[in-house]
Amino acid sequence: MSRAKHPISQNITGRRIRALREDLGWSQEKLGVAIGIDESSARARISRYELGVHEPPLPTVRLIADALNVPLSYLYCEDDRVALLLLGLHRLDDRQRVAVCSSCYESPRNQ
């Protein structure tokens, strides 16, 4: 099978960055500039991260998570269902988060 028919395999972080960026309607350049990359190289750097050509260092991933308004752990989570839970928790206010987390600590005998 040729590569032209199948997208280049992406690492989980790159795949999540790309999906979030596209959901926001942001260009690679816009995301790169938002995290402090020079405009002339922003598109290429973000593209390399998304394709898995280069793995961004943790401080860079932290900046990307902040720019995309997601928890850092979401970008690294390999399980898509757990990743959605992380994203959902992140979107809750503090009171709601406490309530959800409290229910996770209930004794199994009570369930």
N, C-alpha and C. Protein backbone atom coordinates (compact mmCIF):
# COMPACT_ATOMS: atom_id res chain seq x y z
N MET A 1 0.84 -1.19 0.00
CA MET A 1 0.00 0.00 0.00
C MET A 1 0.88 1.24 0.00
N SER A 2 0.52 2.19 -0.79
CA SER A 2 1.33 3.40 -0.88
C SER A 2 0.98 4.37 0.24
N ARG A 3 1.95 5.18 0.58
CA ARG A 3 1.73 6.19 1.60
C ARG A 3 0.75 7.26 1.15
N ALA A 4 0.66 7.46 -0.14
CA ALA A 4 -0.23 8.50 -0.67
C ALA A 4 -1.69 8.22 -0.32
N LYS A 5 -2.04 6.94 -0.20
CA LYS A 5 -3.42 6.58 0.11
C LYS A 5 -3.71 6.61 1.60
N HIS A 6 -2.69 6.55 2.43
CA HIS A 6 -2.86 6.50 3.87
C HIS A 6 -2.05 7.61 4.52
N PRO A 7 -2.67 8.36 5.43
CA PRO A 7 -1.92 9.43 6.07
C PRO A 7 -0.75 8.89 6.87
N ILE A 8 0.26 9.72 6.99
CA ILE A 8 1.44 9.34 7.78
C ILE A 8 0.99 9.06 9.20
N SER A 9 1.48 7.98 9.77
CA SER A 9 1.15 7.63 11.14
C SER A 9 1.59 8.75 12.08
N GLN A 10 0.69 9.16 12.95
CA GLN A 10 0.97 10.26 13.86
C GLN A 10 1.08 9.73 15.29
N ASN A 11 1.90 10.38 16.09
CA ASN A 11 1.91 10.05 17.49
C ASN A 11 0.64 10.60 18.11
N ILE A 12 0.30 10.13 19.29
CA ILE A 12 -0.97 10.53 19.92
C ILE A 12 -1.00 12.03 20.19
N THR A 13 0.10 12.58 20.64
CA THR A 13 0.14 14.01 20.94
C THR A 13 -0.09 14.82 19.67
N GLY A 14 0.59 14.48 18.61
CA GLY A 14 0.43 15.19 17.35
C GLY A 14 -0.98 15.08 16.81
N ARG A 15 -1.56 13.90 16.92
CA ARG A 15 -2.93 13.68 16.44
C ARG A 15 -3.92 14.54 17.21
N ARG A 16 -3.73 14.60 18.52
CA ARG A 16 -4.65 15.41 19.34
C ARG A 16 -4.46 16.90 19.08
N ILE A 17 -3.21 17.33 18.93
CA ILE A 17 -2.95 18.75 18.63
C ILE A 17 -3.64 19.13 17.33
N ARG A 18 -3.47 18.31 16.32
CA ARG A 18 -4.07 18.62 15.01
C ARG A 18 -5.59 18.69 15.09
N ALA A 19 -6.20 17.70 15.74
CA ALA A 19 -7.67 17.67 15.83
C ALA A 19 -8.20 18.91 16.56
N LEU A 20 -7.56 19.27 17.67
CA LEU A 20 -8.00 20.45 18.42
C LEU A 20 -7.82 21.72 17.61
N ARG A 21 -6.67 21.84 16.98
CA ARG A 21 -6.38 23.03 16.17
C ARG A 21 -7.40 23.17 15.06
N GLU A 22 -7.70 22.08 14.38
CA GLU A 22 -8.67 22.13 13.29
C GLU A 22 -10.07 22.43 13.80
N ASP A 23 -10.43 21.88 14.97
CA ASP A 23 -11.74 22.19 15.56
C ASP A 23 -11.90 23.68 15.84
N LEU A 24 -10.80 24.32 16.21
CA LEU A 24 -10.82 25.76 16.48
C LEU A 24 -10.74 26.59 15.20
N GLY A 25 -10.45 25.94 14.09
CA GLY A 25 -10.29 26.65 12.83
C GLY A 25 -8.99 27.42 12.74
N TRP A 26 -8.00 26.98 13.52
CA TRP A 26 -6.70 27.66 13.54
C TRP A 26 -5.76 27.05 12.52
N SER A 27 -4.94 27.89 11.94
CA SER A 27 -3.87 27.40 11.06
C SER A 27 -2.71 26.94 11.95
N GLN A 28 -1.82 26.19 11.36
CA GLN A 28 -0.61 25.79 12.08
C GLN A 28 0.19 27.03 12.47
N GLU A 29 0.22 27.99 11.58
CA GLU A 29 0.95 29.23 11.86
C GLU A 29 0.35 29.97 13.06
N LYS A 30 -0.96 30.04 13.12
CA LYS A 30 -1.61 30.75 14.23
C LYS A 30 -1.28 30.08 15.57
N LEU A 31 -1.33 28.75 15.61
CA LEU A 31 -1.00 28.04 16.85
C LEU A 31 0.46 28.28 17.21
N GLY A 32 1.34 28.17 16.24
CA GLY A 32 2.76 28.37 16.50
C GLY A 32 3.06 29.75 17.05
N VAL A 33 2.48 30.76 16.44
CA VAL A 33 2.68 32.14 16.90
C VAL A 33 2.08 32.31 18.29
N ALA A 34 0.94 31.68 18.56
CA ALA A 34 0.28 31.79 19.87
C ALA A 34 1.15 31.24 21.00
N ILE A 35 2.03 30.29 20.67
CA ILE A 35 2.90 29.73 21.71
C ILE A 35 4.31 30.32 21.68
N GLY A 36 4.49 31.34 20.84
CA GLY A 36 5.76 32.05 20.86
C GLY A 36 6.78 31.66 19.82
N ILE A 37 6.39 30.86 18.84
CA ILE A 37 7.31 30.49 17.77
C ILE A 37 7.31 31.63 16.75
N ASP A 38 8.48 31.91 16.20
CA ASP A 38 8.59 32.96 15.19
C ASP A 38 7.67 32.64 14.01
N GLU A 39 7.02 33.68 13.51
CA GLU A 39 6.04 33.52 12.44
C GLU A 39 6.62 32.82 11.21
N SER A 40 7.88 33.05 10.92
CA SER A 40 8.49 32.47 9.72
C SER A 40 8.67 30.96 9.81
N SER A 41 8.71 30.41 11.01
CA SER A 41 8.91 28.96 11.14
C SER A 41 7.76 28.26 11.88
N ALA A 42 6.74 29.01 12.26
CA ALA A 42 5.65 28.45 13.08
C ALA A 42 4.93 27.30 12.37
N ARG A 43 4.55 27.50 11.12
CA ARG A 43 3.80 26.47 10.40
C ARG A 43 4.60 25.17 10.28
N ALA A 44 5.85 25.28 9.93
CA ALA A 44 6.69 24.09 9.77
C ALA A 44 6.88 23.34 11.08
N ARG A 45 7.11 24.07 12.17
CA ARG A 45 7.31 23.42 13.47
C ARG A 45 6.07 22.69 13.93
N ILE A 46 4.92 23.35 13.84
CA ILE A 46 3.67 22.71 14.27
C ILE A 46 3.37 21.51 13.38
N SER A 47 3.61 21.62 12.10
CA SER A 47 3.41 20.50 11.18
C SER A 47 4.26 19.31 11.60
N ARG A 48 5.50 19.55 11.94
CA ARG A 48 6.40 18.46 12.35
C ARG A 48 5.91 17.80 13.64
N TYR A 49 5.38 18.60 14.56
CA TYR A 49 4.84 18.05 15.80
C TYR A 49 3.60 17.20 15.49
N GLU A 50 2.72 17.71 14.66
CA GLU A 50 1.49 16.98 14.35
C GLU A 50 1.75 15.69 13.61
N LEU A 51 2.72 15.68 12.73
CA LEU A 51 3.04 14.48 11.96
C LEU A 51 3.92 13.49 12.71
N GLY A 52 4.45 13.90 13.86
CA GLY A 52 5.30 13.02 14.63
C GLY A 52 6.73 12.99 14.13
N VAL A 53 7.09 13.91 13.24
CA VAL A 53 8.47 13.99 12.76
C VAL A 53 9.39 14.40 13.90
N HIS A 54 8.91 15.34 14.71
CA HIS A 54 9.62 15.77 15.92
C HIS A 54 8.64 15.72 17.09
N GLU A 55 9.15 15.32 18.24
CA GLU A 55 8.32 15.33 19.45
C GLU A 55 8.58 16.64 20.18
N PRO A 56 7.53 17.42 20.43
CA PRO A 56 7.76 18.69 21.12
C PRO A 56 8.19 18.44 22.56
N PRO A 57 9.09 19.27 23.08
CA PRO A 57 9.47 19.12 24.49
C PRO A 57 8.29 19.48 25.40
N LEU A 58 8.32 18.95 26.60
CA LEU A 58 7.23 19.15 27.55
C LEU A 58 6.84 20.62 27.73
N PRO A 59 7.78 21.54 27.90
CA PRO A 59 7.36 22.95 28.04
C PRO A 59 6.58 23.46 26.82
N THR A 60 6.93 22.99 25.64
CA THR A 60 6.21 23.39 24.44
C THR A 60 4.81 22.78 24.42
N VAL A 61 4.69 21.52 24.80
CA VAL A 61 3.37 20.88 24.85
C VAL A 61 2.49 21.59 25.88
N ARG A 62 3.09 22.02 26.97
CA ARG A 62 2.33 22.76 27.99
C ARG A 62 1.79 24.07 27.40
N LEU A 63 2.61 24.76 26.63
CA LEU A 63 2.16 26.00 25.97
C LEU A 63 1.04 25.71 24.96
N ILE A 64 1.17 24.62 24.23
CA ILE A 64 0.14 24.24 23.25
C ILE A 64 -1.16 23.92 23.97
N ALA A 65 -1.08 23.15 25.06
CA ALA A 65 -2.28 22.81 25.83
C ALA A 65 -2.98 24.08 26.33
N ASP A 66 -2.20 25.02 26.84
CA ASP A 66 -2.78 26.28 27.31
C ASP A 66 -3.43 27.04 26.17
N ALA A 67 -2.76 27.12 25.03
CA ALA A 67 -3.30 27.84 23.88
C ALA A 67 -4.60 27.21 23.38
N LEU A 68 -4.67 25.89 23.43
CA LEU A 68 -5.85 25.16 22.95
C LEU A 68 -6.90 24.95 24.04
N ASN A 69 -6.58 25.41 25.26
CA ASN A 69 -7.48 25.31 26.41
C ASN A 69 -7.88 23.86 26.73
N VAL A 70 -6.86 23.02 26.84
CA VAL A 70 -7.07 21.62 27.24
C VAL A 70 -6.04 21.27 28.31
N PRO A 71 -6.33 20.25 29.13
CA PRO A 71 -5.32 19.85 30.10
C PRO A 71 -4.15 19.16 29.40
N LEU A 72 -2.98 19.35 29.94
CA LEU A 72 -1.77 18.75 29.39
C LEU A 72 -1.94 17.23 29.24
N SER A 73 -2.53 16.60 30.22
CA SER A 73 -2.70 15.15 30.20
C SER A 73 -3.52 14.67 29.00
N TYR A 74 -4.44 15.49 28.52
CA TYR A 74 -5.26 15.12 27.36
C TYR A 74 -4.37 14.87 26.14
N LEU A 75 -3.35 15.68 25.97
CA LEU A 75 -2.50 15.56 24.79
C LEU A 75 -1.63 14.30 24.81
N TYR A 76 -1.45 13.71 25.98
CA TYR A 76 -0.62 12.50 26.09
C TYR A 76 -1.43 11.22 26.30
N CYS A 77 -2.70 11.34 26.58
CA CYS A 77 -3.52 10.17 26.92
C CYS A 77 -3.72 9.26 25.71
N GLU A 78 -3.35 8.00 25.86
CA GLU A 78 -3.46 7.05 24.75
C GLU A 78 -4.85 6.47 24.59
N ASP A 79 -5.64 6.44 25.64
CA ASP A 79 -6.99 5.88 25.60
C ASP A 79 -7.97 7.00 25.26
N ASP A 80 -8.63 6.89 24.12
CA ASP A 80 -9.53 7.96 23.67
C ASP A 80 -10.68 8.22 24.64
N ARG A 81 -11.20 7.17 25.27
CA ARG A 81 -12.31 7.37 26.22
C ARG A 81 -11.83 8.11 27.47
N VAL A 82 -10.68 7.75 27.96
CA VAL A 82 -10.12 8.45 29.13
C VAL A 82 -9.78 9.89 28.75
N ALA A 83 -9.27 10.09 27.54
CA ALA A 83 -8.96 11.44 27.07
C ALA A 83 -10.21 12.31 27.06
N LEU A 84 -11.33 11.75 26.62
CA LEU A 84 -12.58 12.51 26.62
C LEU A 84 -13.02 12.85 28.04
N LEU A 85 -12.79 11.94 28.98
CA LEU A 85 -13.10 12.23 30.38
C LEU A 85 -12.23 13.37 30.90
N LEU A 86 -10.95 13.34 30.57
CA LEU A 86 -10.05 14.42 30.99
C LEU A 86 -10.51 15.76 30.43
N LEU A 87 -10.90 15.75 29.18
CA LEU A 87 -11.37 16.97 28.53
C LEU A 87 -12.66 17.46 29.18
N GLY A 88 -13.57 16.52 29.46
CA GLY A 88 -14.82 16.88 30.12
C GLY A 88 -14.60 17.45 31.50
N LEU A 89 -13.72 16.84 32.28
CA LEU A 89 -13.41 17.35 33.61
C LEU A 89 -12.81 18.75 33.55
N HIS A 90 -11.97 18.96 32.57
CA HIS A 90 -11.33 20.26 32.40
C HIS A 90 -12.35 21.36 32.13
N ARG A 91 -13.42 21.02 31.46
CA ARG A 91 -14.43 22.01 31.09
C ARG A 91 -15.42 22.31 32.20
N LEU A 92 -15.39 21.53 33.27
CA LEU A 92 -16.28 21.77 34.41
C LEU A 92 -15.72 22.87 35.30
N ASP A 93 -16.60 23.53 36.04
CA ASP A 93 -16.10 24.48 37.04
C ASP A 93 -15.64 23.70 38.27
N ASP A 94 -14.99 24.39 39.21
CA ASP A 94 -14.41 23.71 40.37
C ASP A 94 -15.44 22.92 41.17
N ARG A 95 -16.61 23.49 41.38
CA ARG A 95 -17.65 22.82 42.16
C ARG A 95 -18.07 21.52 41.48
N GLN A 96 -18.27 21.58 40.19
CA GLN A 96 -18.67 20.38 39.44
C GLN A 96 -17.57 19.33 39.45
N ARG A 97 -16.33 19.78 39.33
CA ARG A 97 -15.19 18.85 39.35
C ARG A 97 -15.10 18.11 40.67
N VAL A 98 -15.29 18.85 41.76
CA VAL A 98 -15.25 18.23 43.10
C VAL A 98 -16.35 17.19 43.22
N ALA A 99 -17.54 17.49 42.73
CA ALA A 99 -18.65 16.55 42.82
C ALA A 99 -18.36 15.28 42.02
N VAL A 100 -17.84 15.44 40.82
CA VAL A 100 -17.53 14.28 39.98
C VAL A 100 -16.44 13.45 40.63
N CYS A 101 -15.39 14.09 41.09
CA CYS A 101 -14.28 13.37 41.69
C CYS A 101 -14.69 12.68 42.99
N SER A 102 -15.56 13.31 43.76
CA SER A 102 -16.04 12.71 45.00
C SER A 102 -16.79 11.41 44.72
N SER A 103 -17.57 11.38 43.66
CA SER A 103 -18.32 10.18 43.33
C SER A 103 -17.38 9.05 42.92
N CYS A 104 -16.21 9.36 42.46
CA CYS A 104 -15.23 8.32 42.08
C CYS A 104 -14.64 7.63 43.30
N TYR A 105 -14.70 8.29 44.46
CA TYR A 105 -14.11 7.73 45.68
C TYR A 105 -15.11 6.97 46.52
N GLU A 106 -16.36 6.89 46.09
CA GLU A 106 -17.36 6.17 46.87
C GLU A 106 -16.97 4.70 46.96
N SER A 107 -17.33 4.10 48.06
CA SER A 107 -17.02 2.71 48.29
C SER A 107 -17.74 1.83 47.27
N PRO A 108 -17.06 0.81 46.73
CA PRO A 108 -17.71 -0.08 45.77
C PRO A 108 -18.91 -0.80 46.37
N ARG A 109 -18.93 -0.97 47.70
CA ARG A 109 -20.07 -1.65 48.35
C ARG A 109 -21.33 -0.81 48.24
N ASN A 110 -21.18 0.50 48.09
CA ASN A 110 -22.34 1.39 48.01
C ASN A 110 -22.89 1.50 46.60
N GLN A 111 -22.27 0.86 45.67
CA GLN A 111 -22.72 1.00 44.27
C GLN A 111 -23.52 -0.18 43.82
